[in-house]
Amino acid sequence: MWKKIEQVLNDKGISANQLSKLAGFKNNSTIYAIKNEQIKNPSFELMERIADALDVSLDEFRDK
């Protein structure tokens, strides 16, 4: 999951810290938990917040 998020971050020039703020997370721990695979299957609501913050469709993060 992180590789897909990271690709969008790189494409948009956004850091993981910026994503945390854009998604409205209180701190960076949620984003880093996904990055470090502590959260392996993020909830729909979590991914929806990330997709909205990055202004992309949830389809960007689907396994194909």
PDB file of N, CA and C in Angstrom:
ATOM      1  N   MET A   1       0.822  -1.190   0.000  1.00  0.00           N
ATOM      2  CA  MET A   1       0.000   0.000   0.000  1.00  0.00           C
ATOM      3  C   MET A   1       0.868   1.256   0.000  1.00  0.00           C
ATOM      4  N   TRP A   2       1.922   1.241   0.800  1.00  0.00           N
ATOM      5  CA  TRP A   2       2.747   2.439   0.913  1.00  0.00           C
ATOM      6  C   TRP A   2       3.371   2.834  -0.416  1.00  0.00           C
ATOM      7  N   LYS A   3       3.770   1.871  -1.217  1.00  0.00           N
ATOM      8  CA  LYS A   3       4.407   2.199  -2.495  1.00  0.00           C
ATOM      9  C   LYS A   3       3.471   3.032  -3.368  1.00  0.00           C
ATOM     10  N   LYS A   4       2.189   2.715  -3.342  1.00  0.00           N
ATOM     11  CA  LYS A   4       1.225   3.475  -4.141  1.00  0.00           C
ATOM     12  C   LYS A   4       1.054   4.882  -3.583  1.00  0.00           C
ATOM     13  N   ILE A   5       0.975   4.985  -2.267  1.00  0.00           N
ATOM     14  CA  ILE A   5       0.859   6.307  -1.640  1.00  0.00           C
ATOM     15  C   ILE A   5       2.114   7.124  -1.920  1.00  0.00           C
ATOM     16  N   GLU A   6       3.261   6.486  -1.765  1.00  0.00           N
ATOM     17  CA  GLU A   6       4.531   7.172  -1.980  1.00  0.00           C
ATOM     18  C   GLU A   6       4.660   7.678  -3.419  1.00  0.00           C
ATOM     19  N   GLN A   7       4.172   6.919  -4.377  1.00  0.00           N
ATOM     20  CA  GLN A   7       4.224   7.346  -5.774  1.00  0.00           C
ATOM     21  C   GLN A   7       3.425   8.634  -5.976  1.00  0.00           C
ATOM     22  N   VAL A   8       2.236   8.681  -5.385  1.00  0.00           N
ATOM     23  CA  VAL A   8       1.411   9.891  -5.500  1.00  0.00           C
ATOM     24  C   VAL A   8       2.091  11.053  -4.788  1.00  0.00           C
ATOM     25  N   LEU A   9       2.651  10.790  -3.608  1.00  0.00           N
ATOM     26  CA  LEU A   9       3.377  11.847  -2.889  1.00  0.00           C
ATOM     27  C   LEU A   9       4.503  12.406  -3.741  1.00  0.00           C
ATOM     28  N   ASN A  10       5.280  11.518  -4.352  1.00  0.00           N
ATOM     29  CA  ASN A  10       6.390  11.959  -5.199  1.00  0.00           C
ATOM     30  C   ASN A  10       5.892  12.737  -6.409  1.00  0.00           C
ATOM     31  N   ASP A  11       4.825  12.244  -7.036  1.00  0.00           N
ATOM     32  CA  ASP A  11       4.267  12.927  -8.208  1.00  0.00           C
ATOM     33  C   ASP A  11       3.798  14.337  -7.869  1.00  0.00           C
ATOM     34  N   LYS A  12       3.283  14.513  -6.660  1.00  0.00           N
ATOM     35  CA  LYS A  12       2.727  15.807  -6.258  1.00  0.00           C
ATOM     36  C   LYS A  12       3.712  16.652  -5.451  1.00  0.00           C
ATOM     37  N   GLY A  13       4.882  16.089  -5.144  1.00  0.00           N
ATOM     38  CA  GLY A  13       5.869  16.838  -4.372  1.00  0.00           C
ATOM     39  C   GLY A  13       5.438  17.095  -2.941  1.00  0.00           C
ATOM     40  N   ILE A  14       4.784  16.110  -2.335  1.00  0.00           N
ATOM     41  CA  ILE A  14       4.281  16.239  -0.971  1.00  0.00           C
ATOM     42  C   ILE A  14       5.035  15.258  -0.082  1.00  0.00           C
ATOM     43  N   SER A  15       5.399  15.693   1.115  1.00  0.00           N
ATOM     44  CA  SER A  15       6.076  14.807   2.059  1.00  0.00           C
ATOM     45  C   SER A  15       5.044  14.050   2.891  1.00  0.00           C
ATOM     46  N   ALA A  16       5.502  13.013   3.574  1.00  0.00           N
ATOM     47  CA  ALA A  16       4.621  12.253   4.465  1.00  0.00           C
ATOM     48  C   ALA A  16       4.099  13.148   5.590  1.00  0.00           C
ATOM     49  N   ASN A  17       4.941  14.046   6.075  1.00  0.00           N
ATOM     50  CA  ASN A  17       4.506  14.983   7.119  1.00  0.00           C
ATOM     51  C   ASN A  17       3.404  15.898   6.608  1.00  0.00           C
ATOM     52  N   GLN A  18       3.563  16.397   5.400  1.00  0.00           N
ATOM     53  CA  GLN A  18       2.528  17.252   4.810  1.00  0.00           C
ATOM     54  C   GLN A  18       1.238  16.470   4.625  1.00  0.00           C
ATOM     55  N   LEU A  19       1.346  15.216   4.198  1.00  0.00           N
ATOM     56  CA  LEU A  19       0.154  14.389   4.022  1.00  0.00           C
ATOM     57  C   LEU A  19      -0.589  14.241   5.340  1.00  0.00           C
ATOM     58  N   SER A  20       0.124  14.023   6.423  1.00  0.00           N
ATOM     59  CA  SER A  20      -0.517  13.910   7.736  1.00  0.00           C
ATOM     60  C   SER A  20      -1.355  15.143   8.043  1.00  0.00           C
ATOM     61  N   LYS A  21      -0.789  16.300   7.785  1.00  0.00           N
ATOM     62  CA  LYS A  21      -1.510  17.548   8.044  1.00  0.00           C
ATOM     63  C   LYS A  21      -2.698  17.709   7.105  1.00  0.00           C
ATOM     64  N   LEU A  22      -2.487  17.430   5.808  1.00  0.00           N
ATOM     65  CA  LEU A  22      -3.566  17.569   4.830  1.00  0.00           C
ATOM     66  C   LEU A  22      -4.734  16.628   5.126  1.00  0.00           C
ATOM     67  N   ALA A  23      -4.419  15.445   5.649  1.00  0.00           N
ATOM     68  CA  ALA A  23      -5.450  14.454   5.947  1.00  0.00           C
ATOM     69  C   ALA A  23      -6.111  14.709   7.298  1.00  0.00           C
ATOM     70  N   GLY A  24      -5.576  15.659   8.054  1.00  0.00           N
ATOM     71  CA  GLY A  24      -6.174  16.019   9.332  1.00  0.00           C
ATOM     72  C   GLY A  24      -5.822  15.088  10.478  1.00  0.00           C
ATOM     73  N   PHE A  25      -4.711  14.358  10.344  1.00  0.00           N
ATOM     74  CA  PHE A  25      -4.269  13.499  11.438  1.00  0.00           C
ATOM     75  C   PHE A  25      -3.601  14.353  12.503  1.00  0.00           C
ATOM     76  N   LYS A  26      -3.765  13.982  13.760  1.00  0.00           N
ATOM     77  CA  LYS A  26      -3.201  14.764  14.859  1.00  0.00           C
ATOM     78  C   LYS A  26      -1.682  14.732  14.879  1.00  0.00           C
ATOM     79  N   ASN A  27      -1.117  13.640  14.371  1.00  0.00           N
ATOM     80  CA  ASN A  27       0.344  13.534  14.301  1.00  0.00           C
ATOM     81  C   ASN A  27       0.707  12.630  13.127  1.00  0.00           C
ATOM     82  N   ASN A  28       1.970  12.376  12.960  1.00  0.00           N
ATOM     83  CA  ASN A  28       2.455  11.602  11.819  1.00  0.00           C
ATOM     84  C   ASN A  28       2.363  10.096  12.013  1.00  0.00           C
ATOM     85  N   SER A  29       1.963   9.652  13.185  1.00  0.00           N
ATOM     86  CA  SER A  29       2.050   8.220  13.503  1.00  0.00           C
ATOM     87  C   SER A  29       1.215   7.346  12.575  1.00  0.00           C
ATOM     88  N   THR A  30       0.064   7.811  12.141  1.00  0.00           N
ATOM     89  CA  THR A  30      -0.776   6.998  11.253  1.00  0.00           C
ATOM     90  C   THR A  30      -0.087   6.772   9.919  1.00  0.00           C
ATOM     91  N   ILE A  31       0.454   7.823   9.344  1.00  0.00           N
ATOM     92  CA  ILE A  31       1.132   7.702   8.055  1.00  0.00           C
ATOM     93  C   ILE A  31       2.360   6.804   8.178  1.00  0.00           C
ATOM     94  N   TYR A  32       3.123   6.990   9.247  1.00  0.00           N
ATOM     95  CA  TYR A  32       4.322   6.163   9.419  1.00  0.00           C
ATOM     96  C   TYR A  32       3.972   4.717   9.771  1.00  0.00           C
ATOM     97  N   ALA A  33       2.833   4.492  10.397  1.00  0.00           N
ATOM     98  CA  ALA A  33       2.392   3.116  10.663  1.00  0.00           C
ATOM     99  C   ALA A  33       2.072   2.403   9.352  1.00  0.00           C
ATOM    100  N   ILE A  34       1.505   3.127   8.396  1.00  0.00           N
ATOM    101  CA  ILE A  34       1.255   2.538   7.074  1.00  0.00           C
ATOM    102  C   ILE A  34       2.588   2.295   6.378  1.00  0.00           C
ATOM    103  N   LYS A  35       3.460   3.275   6.431  1.00  0.00           N
ATOM    104  CA  LYS A  35       4.762   3.163   5.771  1.00  0.00           C
ATOM    105  C   LYS A  35       5.570   1.984   6.315  1.00  0.00           C
ATOM    106  N   ASN A  36       5.531   1.787   7.622  1.00  0.00           N
ATOM    107  CA  ASN A  36       6.311   0.728   8.264  1.00  0.00           C
ATOM    108  C   ASN A  36       5.544  -0.590   8.371  1.00  0.00           C
ATOM    109  N   GLU A  37       4.414  -0.669   7.698  1.00  0.00           N
ATOM    110  CA  GLU A  37       3.575  -1.872   7.633  1.00  0.00           C
ATOM    111  C   GLU A  37       3.048  -2.312   8.992  1.00  0.00           C
ATOM    112  N   GLN A  38       2.939  -1.374   9.934  1.00  0.00           N
ATOM    113  CA  GLN A  38       2.261  -1.677  11.188  1.00  0.00           C
ATOM    114  C   GLN A  38       0.746  -1.704  10.947  1.00  0.00           C
ATOM    115  N   ILE A  39       0.304  -0.930   9.967  1.00  0.00           N
ATOM    116  CA  ILE A  39      -1.076  -0.998   9.475  1.00  0.00           C
ATOM    117  C   ILE A  39      -0.977  -1.579   8.076  1.00  0.00           C
ATOM    118  N   LYS A  40      -1.336  -2.844   7.937  1.00  0.00           N
ATOM    119  CA  LYS A  40      -1.182  -3.524   6.647  1.00  0.00           C
ATOM    120  C   LYS A  40      -2.418  -3.371   5.763  1.00  0.00           C
ATOM    121  N   ASN A  41      -3.582  -3.291   6.376  1.00  0.00           N
ATOM    122  CA  ASN A  41      -4.836  -3.141   5.635  1.00  0.00           C
ATOM    123  C   ASN A  41      -5.603  -1.956   6.203  1.00  0.00           C
ATOM    124  N   PRO A  42      -5.248  -0.759   5.762  1.00  0.00           N
ATOM    125  CA  PRO A  42      -5.926   0.434   6.280  1.00  0.00           C
ATOM    126  C   PRO A  42      -7.425   0.392   5.987  1.00  0.00           C
ATOM    127  N   SER A  43      -8.189   0.963   6.889  1.00  0.00           N
ATOM    128  CA  SER A  43      -9.642   0.992   6.728  1.00  0.00           C
ATOM    129  C   SER A  43     -10.037   1.873   5.540  1.00  0.00           C
ATOM    130  N   PHE A  44     -11.260   1.678   5.099  1.00  0.00           N
ATOM    131  CA  PHE A  44     -11.797   2.492   4.011  1.00  0.00           C
ATOM    132  C   PHE A  44     -11.748   3.967   4.401  1.00  0.00           C
ATOM    133  N   GLU A  45     -12.151   4.280   5.621  1.00  0.00           N
ATOM    134  CA  GLU A  45     -12.190   5.669   6.077  1.00  0.00           C
ATOM    135  C   GLU A  45     -10.795   6.300   6.083  1.00  0.00           C
ATOM    136  N   LEU A  46      -9.817   5.528   6.508  1.00  0.00           N
ATOM    137  CA  LEU A  46      -8.442   6.026   6.522  1.00  0.00           C
ATOM    138  C   LEU A  46      -7.951   6.309   5.106  1.00  0.00           C
ATOM    139  N   MET A  47      -8.186   5.385   4.205  1.00  0.00           N
ATOM    140  CA  MET A  47      -7.743   5.578   2.825  1.00  0.00           C
ATOM    141  C   MET A  47      -8.523   6.705   2.144  1.00  0.00           C
ATOM    142  N   GLU A  48      -9.783   6.862   2.523  1.00  0.00           N
ATOM    143  CA  GLU A  48     -10.580   7.956   1.971  1.00  0.00           C
ATOM    144  C   GLU A  48      -9.989   9.306   2.383  1.00  0.00           C
ATOM    145  N   ARG A  49      -9.561   9.428   3.619  1.00  0.00           N
ATOM    146  CA  ARG A  49      -8.932  10.671   4.084  1.00  0.00           C
ATOM    147  C   ARG A  49      -7.633  10.947   3.341  1.00  0.00           C
ATOM    148  N   ILE A  50      -6.857   9.893   3.120  1.00  0.00           N
ATOM    149  CA  ILE A  50      -5.590  10.045   2.399  1.00  0.00           C
ATOM    150  C   ILE A  50      -5.854  10.433   0.942  1.00  0.00           C
ATOM    151  N   ALA A  51      -6.790   9.748   0.296  1.00  0.00           N
ATOM    152  CA  ALA A  51      -7.119  10.057  -1.100  1.00  0.00           C
ATOM    153  C   ALA A  51      -7.640  11.486  -1.233  1.00  0.00           C
ATOM    154  N   ASP A  52      -8.508  11.894  -0.315  1.00  0.00           N
ATOM    155  CA  ASP A  52      -9.034  13.261  -0.356  1.00  0.00           C
ATOM    156  C   ASP A  52      -7.910  14.282  -0.163  1.00  0.00           C
ATOM    157  N   ALA A  53      -7.010  13.999   0.768  1.00  0.00           N
ATOM    158  CA  ALA A  53      -5.899  14.918   1.030  1.00  0.00           C
ATOM    159  C   ALA A  53      -4.989  15.049  -0.185  1.00  0.00           C
ATOM    160  N   LEU A  54      -4.852  13.953  -0.937  1.00  0.00           N
ATOM    161  CA  LEU A  54      -3.988  13.960  -2.122  1.00  0.00           C
ATOM    162  C   LEU A  54      -4.745  14.344  -3.391  1.00  0.00           C
ATOM    163  N   ASP A  55      -6.053  14.534  -3.251  1.00  0.00           N
ATOM    164  CA  ASP A  55      -6.916  14.896  -4.386  1.00  0.00           C
ATOM    165  C   ASP A  55      -6.816  13.858  -5.504  1.00  0.00           C
ATOM    166  N   VAL A  56      -6.935  12.584  -5.105  1.00  0.00           N
ATOM    167  CA  VAL A  56      -6.947  11.481  -6.062  1.00  0.00           C
ATOM    168  C   VAL A  56      -8.124  10.565  -5.743  1.00  0.00           C
ATOM    169  N   SER A  57      -8.465   9.726  -6.689  1.00  0.00           N
ATOM    170  CA  SER A  57      -9.516   8.740  -6.490  1.00  0.00           C
ATOM    171  C   SER A  57      -8.996   7.602  -5.615  1.00  0.00           C
ATOM    172  N   LEU A  58      -9.877   6.989  -4.869  1.00  0.00           N
ATOM    173  CA  LEU A  58      -9.499   5.805  -4.096  1.00  0.00           C
ATOM    174  C   LEU A  58      -9.002   4.698  -5.004  1.00  0.00           C
ATOM    175  N   ASP A  59      -9.428   4.711  -6.251  1.00  0.00           N
ATOM    176  CA  ASP A  59      -8.980   3.698  -7.226  1.00  0.00           C
ATOM    177  C   ASP A  59      -7.457   3.702  -7.395  1.00  0.00           C
ATOM    178  N   GLU A  60      -6.818   4.836  -7.116  1.00  0.00           N
ATOM    179  CA  GLU A  60      -5.355   4.914  -7.221  1.00  0.00           C
ATOM    180  C   GLU A  60      -4.660   3.895  -6.321  1.00  0.00           C
ATOM    181  N   PHE A  61      -5.343   3.509  -5.240  1.00  0.00           N
ATOM    182  CA  PHE A  61      -4.727   2.655  -4.238  1.00  0.00           C
ATOM    183  C   PHE A  61      -5.216   1.209  -4.278  1.00  0.00           C
ATOM    184  N   ARG A  62      -6.065   0.909  -5.217  1.00  0.00           N
ATOM    185  CA  ARG A  62      -6.576  -0.461  -5.344  1.00  0.00           C
ATOM    186  C   ARG A  62      -5.510  -1.399  -5.891  1.00  0.00           C
ATOM    187  N   ASP A  63      -5.565  -2.636  -5.436  1.00  0.00           N
ATOM    188  CA  ASP A  63      -4.710  -3.660  -6.016  1.00  0.00           C
ATOM    189  C   ASP A  63      -5.309  -4.055  -7.349  1.00  0.00           C
ATOM    190  N   LYS A  64      -4.458  -4.115  -8.349  1.00  0.00           N
ATOM    191  CA  LYS A  64      -4.951  -4.431  -9.696  1.00  0.00           C
ATOM    192  C   LYS A  64      -4.425  -5.756 -10.149  1.00  0.00           C
TER     193      LYS A  64
END
